[in-house]
Amino acid sequence: MIRLLILTWALMSSMAWAGQQRLEPLSDSVRTALTAAVADRSPPEPLFDSPLERARWLARMNARLPLRSMPEYDHRVEFLRTLHYEAQRAGLDPLLVLGLIQVESGFRRYAVSSAGARGLMQVMPFWARLISAEDPGVLFDLRANLRFGCVILRHYLDQERGDLFRALGRYNGSVGQSAYPDAVIAAARRWGWSEVSPEVSPARPTTLPTTGPAALGL
């Protein structure tokens, strides 16, 4: 039984979940907030309490990333730094985002689902056109993909008033069904995520009650 569970988890980790966010009508204010949220190009420097904490977090997470998907050390460090920054910026726990990426793409930067979702966080192409007027090819860029994915998850959390289960369902296009949220939450917990984990920085809580443009870092 244990061997079967391990095999199932390994298979899930190596394939894209084929998430398919659905195009829904957005108010002008929400679209403006989302557009502003993906537009900033400040250097992706994550905030930690100390340089030592930063080094420890990067080393610990780096050691757990799959070498088959990310064989280059420098690429893994760039990925982790950017992920921590983008998650923090959107008010998300980086470990939750790591769990989502594990389920969505198995950490494959150029993954494409049968529905057309792209990249690490399996973002649907319509988002690039809707909130940034960019070619969907931008979603294969590391930072752009993480930026869009984190902003979109934050948007769904706001829409669902902090209900992570339903927000993850919206992210996957399967709201109301348990398989995808359960898989992401289980993966995130394997990375050490907890719904009552401490703040990722003094300015960014990991609990998710906030709504509106402020929750997107505006």
N, C-alpha and C. Protein backbone atom coordinates (compact mmCIF):
# COMPACT_ATOMS: atom_id res chain seq x y z
N MET A 1 0.84 -1.21 0.00
CA MET A 1 0.00 0.00 0.00
C MET A 1 0.87 1.25 0.00
N ILE A 2 1.92 1.24 0.84
CA ILE A 2 2.81 2.40 0.91
C ILE A 2 3.52 2.61 -0.42
N ARG A 3 3.96 1.48 -1.03
CA ARG A 3 4.63 1.58 -2.33
C ARG A 3 3.70 2.17 -3.38
N LEU A 4 2.42 1.78 -3.34
CA LEU A 4 1.44 2.30 -4.28
C LEU A 4 1.25 3.79 -4.10
N LEU A 5 1.18 4.26 -2.84
CA LEU A 5 1.02 5.68 -2.58
C LEU A 5 2.22 6.48 -3.07
N ILE A 6 3.43 5.94 -2.84
CA ILE A 6 4.64 6.62 -3.29
C ILE A 6 4.67 6.71 -4.80
N LEU A 7 4.30 5.60 -5.48
CA LEU A 7 4.27 5.60 -6.95
C LEU A 7 3.26 6.59 -7.48
N THR A 8 2.08 6.64 -6.84
CA THR A 8 1.05 7.60 -7.28
C THR A 8 1.53 9.02 -7.11
N TRP A 9 2.18 9.32 -5.98
CA TRP A 9 2.68 10.67 -5.74
C TRP A 9 3.77 11.05 -6.74
N ALA A 10 4.66 10.11 -7.03
CA ALA A 10 5.72 10.39 -8.00
C ALA A 10 5.14 10.67 -9.37
N LEU A 11 4.10 9.93 -9.75
CA LEU A 11 3.47 10.16 -11.05
C LEU A 11 2.82 11.52 -11.10
N MET A 12 2.12 11.89 -10.03
CA MET A 12 1.49 13.21 -9.96
C MET A 12 2.53 14.32 -10.06
N SER A 13 3.69 14.11 -9.45
CA SER A 13 4.72 15.14 -9.41
C SER A 13 5.40 15.33 -10.76
N SER A 14 5.29 14.35 -11.66
CA SER A 14 6.01 14.42 -12.93
C SER A 14 5.15 14.90 -14.08
N MET A 15 3.85 15.15 -13.84
CA MET A 15 2.98 15.53 -14.94
C MET A 15 2.21 16.79 -14.60
N ALA A 16 1.83 17.53 -15.63
CA ALA A 16 1.01 18.71 -15.41
C ALA A 16 -0.40 18.29 -15.05
N TRP A 17 -1.01 19.01 -14.12
CA TRP A 17 -2.38 18.70 -13.72
C TRP A 17 -3.37 19.15 -14.78
N ALA A 18 -2.90 19.95 -15.72
CA ALA A 18 -3.75 20.47 -16.80
C ALA A 18 -4.81 21.42 -16.27
N GLY A 19 -4.38 22.33 -15.39
CA GLY A 19 -5.28 23.34 -14.87
C GLY A 19 -5.83 24.21 -15.98
N GLN A 20 -7.05 24.67 -15.81
CA GLN A 20 -7.66 25.49 -16.85
C GLN A 20 -8.55 26.55 -16.21
N GLN A 21 -7.89 27.66 -15.79
CA GLN A 21 -8.67 28.77 -15.27
C GLN A 21 -9.68 29.21 -16.33
N ARG A 22 -10.83 29.61 -15.89
CA ARG A 22 -11.88 29.98 -16.83
C ARG A 22 -11.97 31.49 -16.96
N LEU A 23 -12.21 31.93 -18.18
CA LEU A 23 -12.37 33.35 -18.44
C LEU A 23 -13.73 33.79 -17.89
N GLU A 24 -13.69 34.69 -16.92
CA GLU A 24 -14.91 35.21 -16.30
C GLU A 24 -14.93 36.72 -16.45
N PRO A 25 -16.12 37.32 -16.52
CA PRO A 25 -16.19 38.78 -16.63
C PRO A 25 -15.53 39.45 -15.43
N LEU A 26 -14.73 40.47 -15.69
CA LEU A 26 -14.06 41.23 -14.63
C LEU A 26 -14.55 42.67 -14.68
N SER A 27 -14.76 43.24 -13.50
CA SER A 27 -15.10 44.65 -13.46
C SER A 27 -13.89 45.47 -13.87
N ASP A 28 -14.11 46.72 -14.27
CA ASP A 28 -12.99 47.58 -14.68
C ASP A 28 -11.99 47.76 -13.55
N SER A 29 -12.48 47.89 -12.31
CA SER A 29 -11.59 48.12 -11.19
C SER A 29 -10.72 46.90 -10.92
N VAL A 30 -11.31 45.70 -11.03
CA VAL A 30 -10.54 44.48 -10.81
C VAL A 30 -9.52 44.30 -11.92
N ARG A 31 -9.91 44.54 -13.15
CA ARG A 31 -8.97 44.40 -14.26
C ARG A 31 -7.82 45.39 -14.12
N THR A 32 -8.13 46.62 -13.70
CA THR A 32 -7.08 47.62 -13.51
C THR A 32 -6.12 47.19 -12.41
N ALA A 33 -6.67 46.65 -11.32
CA ALA A 33 -5.82 46.19 -10.22
C ALA A 33 -4.93 45.03 -10.65
N LEU A 34 -5.48 44.09 -11.40
CA LEU A 34 -4.69 42.96 -11.87
C LEU A 34 -3.61 43.41 -12.84
N THR A 35 -3.96 44.34 -13.72
CA THR A 35 -2.98 44.86 -14.68
C THR A 35 -1.81 45.51 -13.95
N ALA A 36 -2.13 46.34 -12.95
CA ALA A 36 -1.07 46.99 -12.17
C ALA A 36 -0.25 45.96 -11.40
N ALA A 37 -0.89 44.92 -10.94
CA ALA A 37 -0.20 43.92 -10.13
C ALA A 37 0.82 43.12 -10.93
N VAL A 38 0.60 42.94 -12.23
CA VAL A 38 1.57 42.18 -13.03
C VAL A 38 2.59 43.09 -13.70
N ALA A 39 2.41 44.42 -13.61
CA ALA A 39 3.24 45.33 -14.39
C ALA A 39 4.57 45.67 -13.72
N ASP A 40 4.63 45.64 -12.40
CA ASP A 40 5.84 46.05 -11.69
C ASP A 40 7.01 45.14 -12.02
N ARG A 41 8.18 45.74 -12.25
CA ARG A 41 9.36 44.94 -12.58
C ARG A 41 10.53 45.26 -11.63
N SER A 42 10.22 45.47 -10.37
CA SER A 42 11.27 45.69 -9.38
C SER A 42 12.12 44.43 -9.26
N PRO A 43 13.38 44.57 -8.86
CA PRO A 43 14.22 43.38 -8.71
C PRO A 43 13.59 42.39 -7.74
N PRO A 44 13.54 41.11 -8.10
CA PRO A 44 12.87 40.12 -7.24
C PRO A 44 13.73 39.71 -6.06
N GLU A 45 13.81 40.58 -5.06
CA GLU A 45 14.59 40.29 -3.86
C GLU A 45 13.63 39.96 -2.72
N PRO A 46 13.54 38.69 -2.33
CA PRO A 46 12.64 38.31 -1.24
C PRO A 46 13.10 38.87 0.10
N LEU A 47 12.16 39.08 0.99
CA LEU A 47 12.45 39.60 2.32
C LEU A 47 12.54 38.46 3.33
N PHE A 48 13.62 38.45 4.09
CA PHE A 48 13.80 37.51 5.19
C PHE A 48 14.20 38.31 6.42
N ASP A 49 14.07 37.68 7.57
CA ASP A 49 14.44 38.37 8.81
C ASP A 49 15.94 38.62 8.91
N SER A 50 16.73 37.77 8.24
CA SER A 50 18.18 37.91 8.30
C SER A 50 18.80 37.23 7.09
N PRO A 51 20.04 37.60 6.74
CA PRO A 51 20.74 36.89 5.65
C PRO A 51 20.90 35.40 5.94
N LEU A 52 21.07 35.04 7.21
CA LEU A 52 21.22 33.64 7.57
C LEU A 52 19.93 32.87 7.29
N GLU A 53 18.80 33.46 7.65
CA GLU A 53 17.51 32.81 7.38
C GLU A 53 17.33 32.63 5.87
N ARG A 54 17.70 33.66 5.11
CA ARG A 54 17.59 33.57 3.65
C ARG A 54 18.42 32.42 3.10
N ALA A 55 19.67 32.32 3.56
CA ALA A 55 20.57 31.27 3.08
C ALA A 55 20.04 29.89 3.46
N ARG A 56 19.53 29.77 4.68
CA ARG A 56 19.01 28.47 5.13
C ARG A 56 17.78 28.06 4.32
N TRP A 57 16.87 29.00 4.08
CA TRP A 57 15.66 28.68 3.32
C TRP A 57 16.01 28.25 1.90
N LEU A 58 16.87 29.01 1.25
CA LEU A 58 17.26 28.68 -0.12
C LEU A 58 17.95 27.32 -0.18
N ALA A 59 18.83 27.05 0.77
CA ALA A 59 19.55 25.78 0.77
C ALA A 59 18.59 24.61 1.01
N ARG A 60 17.68 24.79 1.95
CA ARG A 60 16.75 23.71 2.29
C ARG A 60 15.81 23.40 1.13
N MET A 61 15.24 24.44 0.51
CA MET A 61 14.32 24.22 -0.60
C MET A 61 15.06 23.74 -1.85
N ASN A 62 16.26 24.25 -2.07
CA ASN A 62 17.05 23.86 -3.22
C ASN A 62 17.34 22.36 -3.20
N ALA A 63 17.64 21.85 -2.03
CA ALA A 63 17.98 20.44 -1.90
C ALA A 63 16.79 19.53 -2.21
N ARG A 64 15.58 20.09 -2.17
CA ARG A 64 14.39 19.26 -2.37
C ARG A 64 13.79 19.40 -3.77
N LEU A 65 14.29 20.32 -4.56
CA LEU A 65 13.77 20.46 -5.91
C LEU A 65 14.19 19.29 -6.78
N PRO A 66 13.34 18.84 -7.69
CA PRO A 66 13.69 17.69 -8.54
C PRO A 66 14.76 18.06 -9.56
N LEU A 67 15.86 17.32 -9.54
CA LEU A 67 16.96 17.60 -10.46
C LEU A 67 16.57 17.34 -11.90
N ARG A 68 15.66 16.41 -12.12
CA ARG A 68 15.27 16.11 -13.50
C ARG A 68 14.58 17.31 -14.15
N SER A 69 13.81 18.05 -13.37
CA SER A 69 13.11 19.22 -13.92
C SER A 69 13.99 20.46 -13.90
N MET A 70 14.85 20.57 -12.90
CA MET A 70 15.71 21.75 -12.75
C MET A 70 17.13 21.30 -12.44
N PRO A 71 17.89 20.87 -13.44
CA PRO A 71 19.21 20.32 -13.18
C PRO A 71 20.28 21.35 -12.82
N GLU A 72 20.11 22.61 -13.25
CA GLU A 72 21.14 23.62 -13.05
C GLU A 72 20.98 24.31 -11.69
N TYR A 73 22.04 24.34 -10.92
CA TYR A 73 22.00 24.96 -9.59
C TYR A 73 21.57 26.43 -9.66
N ASP A 74 22.18 27.20 -10.57
CA ASP A 74 21.86 28.62 -10.67
C ASP A 74 20.39 28.83 -11.01
N HIS A 75 19.84 27.98 -11.85
CA HIS A 75 18.43 28.11 -12.22
C HIS A 75 17.52 27.82 -11.03
N ARG A 76 17.92 26.84 -10.21
CA ARG A 76 17.11 26.51 -9.04
C ARG A 76 17.11 27.68 -8.05
N VAL A 77 18.26 28.28 -7.84
CA VAL A 77 18.33 29.41 -6.92
C VAL A 77 17.52 30.60 -7.45
N GLU A 78 17.64 30.87 -8.75
CA GLU A 78 16.86 31.96 -9.34
C GLU A 78 15.38 31.69 -9.19
N PHE A 79 14.97 30.45 -9.44
CA PHE A 79 13.57 30.07 -9.28
C PHE A 79 13.08 30.31 -7.86
N LEU A 80 13.84 29.86 -6.87
CA LEU A 80 13.42 30.00 -5.48
C LEU A 80 13.36 31.45 -5.03
N ARG A 81 14.36 32.23 -5.42
CA ARG A 81 14.36 33.66 -5.06
C ARG A 81 13.15 34.35 -5.66
N THR A 82 12.89 34.08 -6.93
CA THR A 82 11.78 34.73 -7.61
C THR A 82 10.45 34.26 -7.05
N LEU A 83 10.33 32.96 -6.79
CA LEU A 83 9.08 32.43 -6.23
C LEU A 83 8.80 33.05 -4.87
N HIS A 84 9.81 33.11 -4.01
CA HIS A 84 9.59 33.68 -2.67
C HIS A 84 9.14 35.14 -2.79
N TYR A 85 9.79 35.89 -3.67
CA TYR A 85 9.44 37.30 -3.85
C TYR A 85 8.01 37.45 -4.36
N GLU A 86 7.65 36.70 -5.40
CA GLU A 86 6.33 36.86 -6.00
C GLU A 86 5.23 36.37 -5.07
N ALA A 87 5.47 35.28 -4.36
CA ALA A 87 4.48 34.81 -3.39
C ALA A 87 4.30 35.83 -2.27
N GLN A 88 5.41 36.32 -1.75
CA GLN A 88 5.39 37.31 -0.68
C GLN A 88 4.65 38.57 -1.13
N ARG A 89 4.92 39.00 -2.32
CA ARG A 89 4.32 40.21 -2.88
C ARG A 89 2.80 40.09 -2.99
N ALA A 90 2.34 38.87 -3.29
CA ALA A 90 0.90 38.64 -3.43
C ALA A 90 0.24 38.24 -2.11
N GLY A 91 1.02 38.19 -1.01
CA GLY A 91 0.44 37.81 0.27
C GLY A 91 0.20 36.32 0.40
N LEU A 92 1.02 35.50 -0.29
CA LEU A 92 0.89 34.05 -0.25
C LEU A 92 2.09 33.44 0.45
N ASP A 93 1.90 32.29 1.05
CA ASP A 93 3.02 31.56 1.63
C ASP A 93 3.80 30.90 0.49
N PRO A 94 5.11 31.13 0.39
CA PRO A 94 5.89 30.50 -0.69
C PRO A 94 5.78 28.98 -0.71
N LEU A 95 5.59 28.36 0.46
CA LEU A 95 5.49 26.91 0.49
C LEU A 95 4.18 26.43 -0.13
N LEU A 96 3.13 27.21 0.01
CA LEU A 96 1.87 26.89 -0.67
C LEU A 96 2.06 26.97 -2.18
N VAL A 97 2.79 27.98 -2.65
CA VAL A 97 3.03 28.13 -4.09
C VAL A 97 3.91 26.98 -4.59
N LEU A 98 4.89 26.55 -3.81
CA LEU A 98 5.69 25.40 -4.19
C LEU A 98 4.82 24.15 -4.35
N GLY A 99 3.88 23.97 -3.43
CA GLY A 99 2.97 22.83 -3.54
C GLY A 99 2.11 22.90 -4.77
N LEU A 100 1.62 24.09 -5.10
CA LEU A 100 0.80 24.26 -6.30
C LEU A 100 1.60 23.94 -7.56
N ILE A 101 2.84 24.43 -7.62
CA ILE A 101 3.68 24.18 -8.79
C ILE A 101 4.00 22.70 -8.92
N GLN A 102 4.25 22.03 -7.80
CA GLN A 102 4.53 20.60 -7.86
C GLN A 102 3.37 19.84 -8.49
N VAL A 103 2.15 20.19 -8.09
CA VAL A 103 0.98 19.52 -8.63
C VAL A 103 0.72 19.93 -10.08
N GLU A 104 0.85 21.24 -10.36
CA GLU A 104 0.49 21.75 -11.68
C GLU A 104 1.44 21.30 -12.78
N SER A 105 2.73 21.39 -12.55
CA SER A 105 3.68 21.17 -13.65
C SER A 105 4.84 20.26 -13.31
N GLY A 106 4.95 19.81 -12.05
CA GLY A 106 6.11 19.03 -11.68
C GLY A 106 7.40 19.81 -11.83
N PHE A 107 7.32 21.15 -11.71
CA PHE A 107 8.46 22.07 -11.80
C PHE A 107 9.06 22.13 -13.21
N ARG A 108 8.25 21.85 -14.20
CA ARG A 108 8.72 21.94 -15.59
C ARG A 108 8.34 23.30 -16.16
N ARG A 109 9.33 24.08 -16.47
CA ARG A 109 9.12 25.47 -16.90
C ARG A 109 8.33 25.57 -18.20
N TYR A 110 8.48 24.61 -19.09
CA TYR A 110 7.84 24.68 -20.39
C TYR A 110 6.67 23.70 -20.53
N ALA A 111 6.11 23.30 -19.42
CA ALA A 111 4.96 22.39 -19.46
C ALA A 111 3.77 23.08 -20.12
N VAL A 112 3.05 22.32 -20.95
CA VAL A 112 1.81 22.80 -21.58
C VAL A 112 0.75 21.72 -21.37
N SER A 113 -0.39 22.09 -20.82
CA SER A 113 -1.45 21.12 -20.58
C SER A 113 -2.28 20.92 -21.83
N SER A 114 -3.14 19.92 -21.80
CA SER A 114 -4.03 19.65 -22.93
C SER A 114 -5.00 20.81 -23.15
N ALA A 115 -5.24 21.61 -22.09
CA ALA A 115 -6.12 22.77 -22.22
C ALA A 115 -5.38 24.02 -22.67
N GLY A 116 -4.05 23.93 -22.78
CA GLY A 116 -3.25 25.08 -23.23
C GLY A 116 -2.62 25.88 -22.12
N ALA A 117 -2.80 25.47 -20.85
CA ALA A 117 -2.17 26.18 -19.74
C ALA A 117 -0.65 26.04 -19.84
N ARG A 118 0.08 27.09 -19.45
CA ARG A 118 1.51 27.14 -19.74
C ARG A 118 2.37 27.36 -18.50
N GLY A 119 3.54 26.74 -18.55
CA GLY A 119 4.58 27.05 -17.60
C GLY A 119 4.42 26.42 -16.23
N LEU A 120 5.26 26.87 -15.32
CA LEU A 120 5.35 26.32 -13.98
C LEU A 120 4.02 26.32 -13.25
N MET A 121 3.29 27.45 -13.32
CA MET A 121 2.03 27.57 -12.61
C MET A 121 0.83 27.34 -13.50
N GLN A 122 1.08 26.84 -14.72
CA GLN A 122 0.01 26.46 -15.65
C GLN A 122 -1.04 27.56 -15.80
N VAL A 123 -0.58 28.68 -16.31
CA VAL A 123 -1.45 29.85 -16.51
C VAL A 123 -2.05 29.79 -17.91
N MET A 124 -3.35 30.03 -17.99
CA MET A 124 -4.03 30.00 -19.29
C MET A 124 -3.65 31.24 -20.11
N PRO A 125 -3.48 31.10 -21.42
CA PRO A 125 -3.02 32.22 -22.27
C PRO A 125 -3.91 33.46 -22.22
N PHE A 126 -5.22 33.29 -21.98
CA PHE A 126 -6.09 34.47 -22.03
C PHE A 126 -5.71 35.51 -20.98
N TRP A 127 -5.05 35.07 -19.88
CA TRP A 127 -4.66 36.05 -18.86
C TRP A 127 -3.64 37.04 -19.38
N ALA A 128 -2.71 36.58 -20.21
CA ALA A 128 -1.69 37.48 -20.75
C ALA A 128 -2.34 38.56 -21.62
N ARG A 129 -3.34 38.17 -22.39
CA ARG A 129 -4.02 39.14 -23.25
C ARG A 129 -4.94 40.04 -22.43
N LEU A 130 -5.59 39.47 -21.42
CA LEU A 130 -6.62 40.19 -20.67
C LEU A 130 -6.05 41.28 -19.78
N ILE A 131 -4.93 40.99 -19.08
CA ILE A 131 -4.46 41.95 -18.07
C ILE A 131 -3.09 42.52 -18.36
N SER A 132 -2.45 42.12 -19.47
CA SER A 132 -1.17 42.74 -19.77
C SER A 132 -0.97 43.02 -21.25
N ALA A 133 -1.92 42.60 -22.09
CA ALA A 133 -1.84 42.83 -23.54
C ALA A 133 -0.53 42.29 -24.11
N GLU A 134 -0.05 41.18 -23.56
CA GLU A 134 1.20 40.58 -24.02
C GLU A 134 0.92 39.28 -24.76
N ASP A 135 1.89 38.89 -25.59
CA ASP A 135 1.81 37.60 -26.26
C ASP A 135 1.85 36.50 -25.20
N PRO A 136 1.01 35.47 -25.33
CA PRO A 136 1.02 34.39 -24.33
C PRO A 136 2.36 33.70 -24.16
N GLY A 137 3.26 33.86 -25.13
CA GLY A 137 4.59 33.29 -24.99
C GLY A 137 5.33 33.79 -23.77
N VAL A 138 4.91 34.96 -23.25
CA VAL A 138 5.56 35.51 -22.05
C VAL A 138 5.38 34.58 -20.86
N LEU A 139 4.38 33.71 -20.91
CA LEU A 139 4.10 32.83 -19.78
C LEU A 139 5.15 31.74 -19.61
N PHE A 140 6.07 31.60 -20.57
CA PHE A 140 7.19 30.68 -20.38
C PHE A 140 8.38 31.37 -19.71
N ASP A 141 8.30 32.68 -19.54
CA ASP A 141 9.33 33.39 -18.80
C ASP A 141 9.14 33.09 -17.31
N LEU A 142 10.24 32.78 -16.64
CA LEU A 142 10.16 32.37 -15.25
C LEU A 142 9.41 33.37 -14.38
N ARG A 143 9.86 34.60 -14.39
CA ARG A 143 9.26 35.59 -13.50
C ARG A 143 7.83 35.93 -13.89
N ALA A 144 7.60 36.05 -15.21
CA ALA A 144 6.25 36.38 -15.66
C ALA A 144 5.26 35.29 -15.25
N ASN A 145 5.65 34.03 -15.38
CA ASN A 145 4.75 32.94 -15.04
C ASN A 145 4.44 32.95 -13.54
N LEU A 146 5.48 33.14 -12.72
CA LEU A 146 5.25 33.19 -11.28
C LEU A 146 4.43 34.41 -10.89
N ARG A 147 4.68 35.53 -11.54
CA ARG A 147 3.91 36.75 -11.26
C ARG A 147 2.43 36.54 -11.58
N PHE A 148 2.16 36.06 -12.80
CA PHE A 148 0.76 35.84 -13.19
C PHE A 148 0.10 34.82 -12.27
N GLY A 149 0.78 33.69 -12.02
CA GLY A 149 0.17 32.65 -11.20
C GLY A 149 -0.16 33.12 -9.81
N CYS A 150 0.76 33.84 -9.17
CA CYS A 150 0.52 34.33 -7.81
C CYS A 150 -0.59 35.38 -7.78
N VAL A 151 -0.57 36.29 -8.74
CA VAL A 151 -1.61 37.32 -8.81
C VAL A 151 -2.98 36.69 -9.05
N ILE A 152 -3.04 35.69 -9.92
CA ILE A 152 -4.32 35.03 -10.22
C ILE A 152 -4.84 34.29 -8.98
N LEU A 153 -3.97 33.56 -8.28
CA LEU A 153 -4.42 32.86 -7.07
C LEU A 153 -4.88 33.86 -6.03
N ARG A 154 -4.16 34.99 -5.89
CA ARG A 154 -4.58 36.03 -4.96
C ARG A 154 -5.96 36.57 -5.35
N HIS A 155 -6.19 36.76 -6.64
CA HIS A 155 -7.48 37.23 -7.13
C HIS A 155 -8.59 36.26 -6.75
N TYR A 156 -8.35 34.96 -6.95
CA TYR A 156 -9.36 33.98 -6.61
C TYR A 156 -9.60 33.90 -5.11
N LEU A 157 -8.55 34.07 -4.31
CA LEU A 157 -8.73 34.10 -2.87
C LEU A 157 -9.58 35.28 -2.44
N ASP A 158 -9.33 36.43 -3.05
CA ASP A 158 -10.16 37.60 -2.75
C ASP A 158 -11.60 37.35 -3.16
N GLN A 159 -11.76 36.75 -4.34
CA GLN A 159 -13.10 36.47 -4.85
C GLN A 159 -13.86 35.52 -3.93
N GLU A 160 -13.13 34.58 -3.33
CA GLU A 160 -13.74 33.58 -2.45
C GLU A 160 -13.61 33.95 -0.97
N ARG A 161 -13.28 35.20 -0.69
CA ARG A 161 -13.20 35.71 0.69
C ARG A 161 -12.28 34.86 1.57
N GLY A 162 -11.12 34.50 1.01
CA GLY A 162 -10.12 33.78 1.77
C GLY A 162 -10.31 32.28 1.85
N ASP A 163 -11.32 31.74 1.17
CA ASP A 163 -11.57 30.30 1.19
C ASP A 163 -10.57 29.63 0.24
N LEU A 164 -9.50 29.05 0.80
CA LEU A 164 -8.44 28.47 -0.01
C LEU A 164 -8.94 27.29 -0.84
N PHE A 165 -9.80 26.47 -0.27
CA PHE A 165 -10.32 25.31 -0.98
C PHE A 165 -11.01 25.73 -2.28
N ARG A 166 -11.88 26.72 -2.19
CA ARG A 166 -12.62 27.17 -3.37
C ARG A 166 -11.71 27.95 -4.32
N ALA A 167 -10.78 28.72 -3.76
CA ALA A 167 -9.85 29.49 -4.61
C ALA A 167 -9.00 28.55 -5.45
N LEU A 168 -8.51 27.47 -4.85
CA LEU A 168 -7.73 26.50 -5.61
C LEU A 168 -8.59 25.82 -6.67
N GLY A 169 -9.84 25.58 -6.34
CA GLY A 169 -10.75 25.01 -7.33
C GLY A 169 -10.93 25.93 -8.52
N ARG A 170 -11.04 27.23 -8.26
CA ARG A 170 -11.14 28.19 -9.37
C ARG A 170 -9.85 28.22 -10.18
N TYR A 171 -8.73 28.13 -9.50
CA TYR A 171 -7.45 28.16 -10.20
C TYR A 171 -7.36 27.00 -11.19
N ASN A 172 -7.90 25.87 -10.81
CA ASN A 172 -7.84 24.67 -11.64
C ASN A 172 -9.05 24.53 -12.57
N GLY A 173 -10.06 25.38 -12.39
CA GLY A 173 -11.27 25.23 -13.19
C GLY A 173 -12.13 24.08 -12.72
N SER A 174 -12.03 23.73 -11.43
CA SER A 174 -12.81 22.60 -10.90
C SER A 174 -13.43 22.97 -9.56
N VAL A 175 -13.89 24.21 -9.43
CA VAL A 175 -14.42 24.68 -8.17
C VAL A 175 -15.54 23.78 -7.68
N GLY A 176 -15.50 23.46 -6.38
CA GLY A 176 -16.50 22.60 -5.79
C GLY A 176 -16.09 21.14 -5.73
N GLN A 177 -15.03 20.77 -6.46
CA GLN A 177 -14.52 19.41 -6.43
C GLN A 177 -13.27 19.36 -5.54
N SER A 178 -13.04 18.22 -4.91
CA SER A 178 -12.01 18.17 -3.87
C SER A 178 -10.64 17.68 -4.35
N ALA A 179 -10.58 16.98 -5.48
CA ALA A 179 -9.32 16.31 -5.86
C ALA A 179 -8.16 17.29 -5.98
N TYR A 180 -8.36 18.39 -6.70
CA TYR A 180 -7.25 19.31 -6.94
C TYR A 180 -6.86 20.07 -5.67
N PRO A 181 -7.79 20.73 -4.96
CA PRO A 181 -7.38 21.40 -3.71
C PRO A 181 -6.70 20.46 -2.73
N ASP A 182 -7.22 19.23 -2.60
CA ASP A 182 -6.60 18.28 -1.68
C ASP A 182 -5.17 17.96 -2.11
N ALA A 183 -4.94 17.82 -3.41
CA ALA A 183 -3.60 17.49 -3.90
C ALA A 183 -2.62 18.63 -3.64
N VAL A 184 -3.06 19.88 -3.89
CA VAL A 184 -2.18 21.02 -3.67
C VAL A 184 -1.87 21.18 -2.19
N ILE A 185 -2.87 21.08 -1.35
CA ILE A 185 -2.66 21.25 0.08
C ILE A 185 -1.75 20.15 0.63
N ALA A 186 -1.94 18.92 0.15
CA ALA A 186 -1.07 17.83 0.58
C ALA A 186 0.37 18.08 0.15
N ALA A 187 0.56 18.53 -1.09
CA ALA A 187 1.91 18.82 -1.59
C ALA A 187 2.54 19.96 -0.79
N ALA A 188 1.76 21.01 -0.52
CA ALA A 188 2.28 22.15 0.23
C ALA A 188 2.71 21.74 1.63
N ARG A 189 1.97 20.87 2.25
CA ARG A 189 2.33 20.41 3.60
C ARG A 189 3.62 19.60 3.57
N ARG A 190 3.86 18.88 2.48
CA ARG A 190 5.13 18.15 2.36
C ARG A 190 6.31 19.12 2.26
N TRP A 191 6.06 20.33 1.79
CA TRP A 191 7.10 21.36 1.77
C TRP A 191 7.22 22.08 3.10
N GLY A 192 6.31 21.78 4.03
CA GLY A 192 6.36 22.40 5.35
C GLY A 192 5.31 23.45 5.57
N TRP A 193 4.39 23.62 4.60
CA TRP A 193 3.36 24.66 4.73
C TRP A 193 2.34 24.28 5.79
N SER A 194 1.86 25.30 6.50
CA SER A 194 0.80 25.13 7.48
C SER A 194 -0.15 26.30 7.36
N GLU A 195 -1.43 26.05 7.51
CA GLU A 195 -2.42 27.13 7.44
C GLU A 195 -2.25 28.12 8.58
N VAL A 196 -1.51 27.74 9.59
CA VAL A 196 -1.26 28.65 10.71
C VAL A 196 0.24 28.93 10.83
N SER A 197 0.95 28.84 9.69
CA SER A 197 2.39 29.10 9.70
C SER A 197 2.66 30.57 9.98
N PRO A 198 3.85 30.92 10.47
CA PRO A 198 4.15 32.32 10.78
C PRO A 198 4.23 33.17 9.52
N GLU A 199 4.23 34.47 9.70
CA GLU A 199 4.27 35.39 8.57
C GLU A 199 5.56 35.20 7.77
N VAL A 200 5.44 35.37 6.44
CA VAL A 200 6.63 35.27 5.60
C VAL A 200 7.45 36.54 5.67
N SER A 201 6.84 37.63 6.10
CA SER A 201 7.56 38.87 6.34
C SER A 201 6.66 39.73 7.22
N PRO A 202 7.20 40.75 7.88
CA PRO A 202 6.35 41.58 8.73
C PRO A 202 5.19 42.21 8.00
N ALA A 203 5.32 42.42 6.68
CA ALA A 203 4.28 43.13 5.95
C ALA A 203 3.32 42.21 5.23
N ARG A 204 3.61 40.90 5.19
CA ARG A 204 2.81 40.00 4.38
C ARG A 204 2.34 38.79 5.18
N PRO A 205 1.09 38.79 5.68
CA PRO A 205 0.60 37.64 6.41
C PRO A 205 0.36 36.46 5.48
N THR A 206 0.50 35.23 6.02
CA THR A 206 0.20 34.07 5.22
C THR A 206 -1.27 33.70 5.31
N THR A 207 -1.99 34.18 6.34
CA THR A 207 -3.43 34.03 6.33
C THR A 207 -3.97 34.97 5.27
N LEU A 208 -5.17 34.68 4.77
CA LEU A 208 -5.59 35.30 3.52
C LEU A 208 -6.97 35.97 3.60
N PRO A 209 -7.20 36.88 4.58
CA PRO A 209 -8.51 37.49 4.68
C PRO A 209 -8.66 38.76 3.88
N THR A 210 -7.56 39.37 3.41
CA THR A 210 -7.64 40.68 2.79
C THR A 210 -8.23 40.60 1.40
N THR A 211 -8.86 41.70 0.98
CA THR A 211 -9.45 41.75 -0.35
C THR A 211 -9.10 43.06 -1.01
N GLY A 212 -9.32 43.11 -2.31
CA GLY A 212 -9.14 44.36 -3.05
C GLY A 212 -7.71 44.59 -3.48
N PRO A 213 -7.43 45.76 -4.07
CA PRO A 213 -6.10 46.06 -4.62
C PRO A 213 -4.99 45.95 -3.61
N ALA A 214 -5.25 46.24 -2.32
CA ALA A 214 -4.18 46.17 -1.32
C ALA A 214 -3.62 44.77 -1.22
N ALA A 215 -4.48 43.76 -1.42
CA ALA A 215 -4.02 42.38 -1.33
C ALA A 215 -3.10 42.02 -2.48
N LEU A 216 -3.10 42.81 -3.55
CA LEU A 216 -2.24 42.55 -4.70
C LEU A 216 -0.98 43.39 -4.64
N GLY A 217 -0.75 44.06 -3.53
CA GLY A 217 0.49 44.83 -3.38
C GLY A 217 0.41 46.20 -4.00
N LEU A 218 -0.78 46.75 -4.19
CA LEU A 218 -0.93 48.05 -4.85
C LEU A 218 -0.98 49.16 -3.80
